[in-house]
Structure formats: structure tokens, C-alpha cells
Protein backbone atom coordinates (compact mmCIF):
# COMPACT_ATOMS: atom_id res chain seq x y z
CA UNK A 1 -6.30 23.11 6.03
CA UNK A 2 -3.57 22.42 8.47
CA UNK A 3 -2.90 18.23 7.48
CA UNK A 4 -2.93 16.68 11.23
CA UNK A 5 0.82 14.78 12.03
CA UNK A 6 0.74 11.53 11.36
CA UNK A 7 0.54 8.94 14.36
CA UNK A 8 2.78 6.06 14.70
CA UNK A 9 0.22 3.53 13.48
CA UNK A 10 -0.07 5.89 10.66
CA UNK A 11 3.57 5.01 9.74
CA UNK A 12 3.20 1.47 11.17
CA UNK A 13 0.27 1.04 8.90
CA UNK A 14 2.34 2.62 5.53
CA UNK A 15 5.31 0.16 6.55
CA UNK A 16 2.98 -2.57 6.27
CA UNK A 17 1.52 -1.39 2.87
CA UNK A 18 5.03 -0.62 1.52
CA UNK A 19 5.98 -4.42 2.43
CA UNK A 20 2.89 -5.92 1.03
CA UNK A 21 3.64 -3.82 -2.51
CA UNK A 22 7.25 -5.01 -2.57
CA UNK A 23 6.38 -8.41 -2.02
CA UNK A 24 3.69 -8.74 -4.41
CA UNK A 25 6.05 -6.78 -6.78
CA UNK A 26 8.48 -9.25 -6.69
CA UNK A 27 10.64 -9.68 -9.81
CA UNK A 28 9.16 -6.97 -11.85
CA UNK A 29 10.71 -3.40 -11.82
CA UNK A 30 9.46 -0.66 -10.44
CA UNK A 31 9.09 1.17 -13.59
CA UNK A 32 6.77 -1.26 -15.12
CA UNK A 33 4.79 -1.88 -11.93
CA UNK A 34 4.32 1.97 -11.94
CA UNK A 35 3.64 2.36 -15.64
CA UNK A 36 1.00 0.06 -15.52
CA UNK A 37 -0.41 1.79 -12.57
CA UNK A 38 -0.22 5.13 -13.85
CA UNK A 39 2.33 6.58 -11.08
CA UNK A 40 5.73 7.54 -11.29
CA UNK A 41 8.58 5.00 -10.15
CA UNK A 42 9.60 7.59 -7.64
CA UNK A 43 5.84 7.59 -6.10
CA UNK A 44 6.01 3.47 -5.93
CA UNK A 45 9.32 4.11 -4.41
CA UNK A 46 8.34 6.05 -1.74
CA UNK A 47 5.16 4.19 -0.89
CA UNK A 48 7.44 1.17 -0.88
CA UNK A 49 9.71 2.42 1.62
CA UNK A 50 7.20 4.00 3.53
CA UNK A 51 7.98 7.74 2.84
CA UNK A 52 4.32 8.14 1.50
CA UNK A 53 2.86 6.02 4.37
CA UNK A 54 -0.79 7.26 3.72
CA UNK A 55 -1.18 7.50 -0.37
CA UNK A 56 -4.70 8.23 -1.67
CA UNK A 57 -6.95 5.72 -2.42
CA UNK A 58 -6.71 6.19 -6.23
CA UNK A 59 -3.06 5.43 -5.83
CA UNK A 60 -3.59 2.43 -3.77
CA UNK A 61 -6.47 1.45 -6.02
CA UNK A 62 -4.45 1.57 -9.36
CA UNK A 63 -1.16 -0.30 -7.69
CA UNK A 64 -3.38 -3.27 -6.39
CA UNK A 65 -4.64 -3.58 -9.95
CA UNK A 66 -1.40 -3.39 -11.53
CA UNK A 67 -0.23 -6.05 -8.93
CA UNK A 68 -3.53 -8.47 -8.98
CA UNK A 69 -4.12 -7.74 -5.22
CA UNK A 70 -7.71 -7.20 -3.94
CA UNK A 71 -8.22 -3.95 -1.75
CA UNK A 72 -9.55 -6.32 0.80
CA UNK A 73 -6.14 -8.12 0.85
CA UNK A 74 -4.57 -4.62 1.16
CA UNK A 75 -6.83 -3.56 4.02
CA UNK A 76 -6.34 -6.66 5.67
CA UNK A 77 -2.54 -6.25 5.44
CA UNK A 78 -2.65 -2.86 6.76
CA UNK A 79 -5.03 -2.93 9.68
CA UNK A 80 -3.20 -3.16 12.80
CA UNK A 81 -2.70 -6.24 14.56
CA UNK A 82 -5.17 -5.99 17.44
CA UNK A 83 -8.00 -5.07 15.05
CA UNK A 84 -7.68 -7.77 12.44
CA UNK A 85 -11.03 -8.42 11.10
CA UNK A 86 -12.30 -12.02 11.67
CA UNK A 87 -12.04 -14.57 8.66
CA UNK A 88 -14.96 -14.73 6.30
CA UNK A 89 -17.08 -17.53 7.22
CA UNK A 90 -17.17 -19.78 4.22
């Protein structure tokens, strides 16, 4: 199976994901968060720097849990600006 090349939008979404994860990690070490999530520190480093712009759902889910982020928060933060979902009515 041949993998389709990533689009600029895919890369930008990966950069937004990395930024969100770095901000959520704050003062916690890469190794600590990676250990809780069950991924390698190198994998987390690559996601945070955008070198892995499309990590698997299970990796994102594990990192979200380790960082106390909801998957909705991650989805909202990584959507293209023009396609952001409207805020839920209260």
C-alpha cells in the first residue's frame, strides 16, 4: 500500500497538535508524560515538533489521557481555522 503524501494542511494540523501537547505538558518532562501515555519519549518529541504530523488515534488518545485533555479539545485545536466547529449551545 502506498501512502499519500501529506498536504500542507496535514502538516499545519500536526504543528497545531504539537503546540497543544507542549502547552499541556507545561513543566512536566517529556519522559514523564510519555511514560504515563505508554509511548516513547522520542515519539512524543517528534509529535511535539511536527515530525510526526499524523500520529495514530491510539497514540493521541493515550497522550490526551496522560495530559488531562479531552479528545474534543484536541479535535477543536487541530481543525483548520476556517472549518472550526461552532461552540456547543449551553
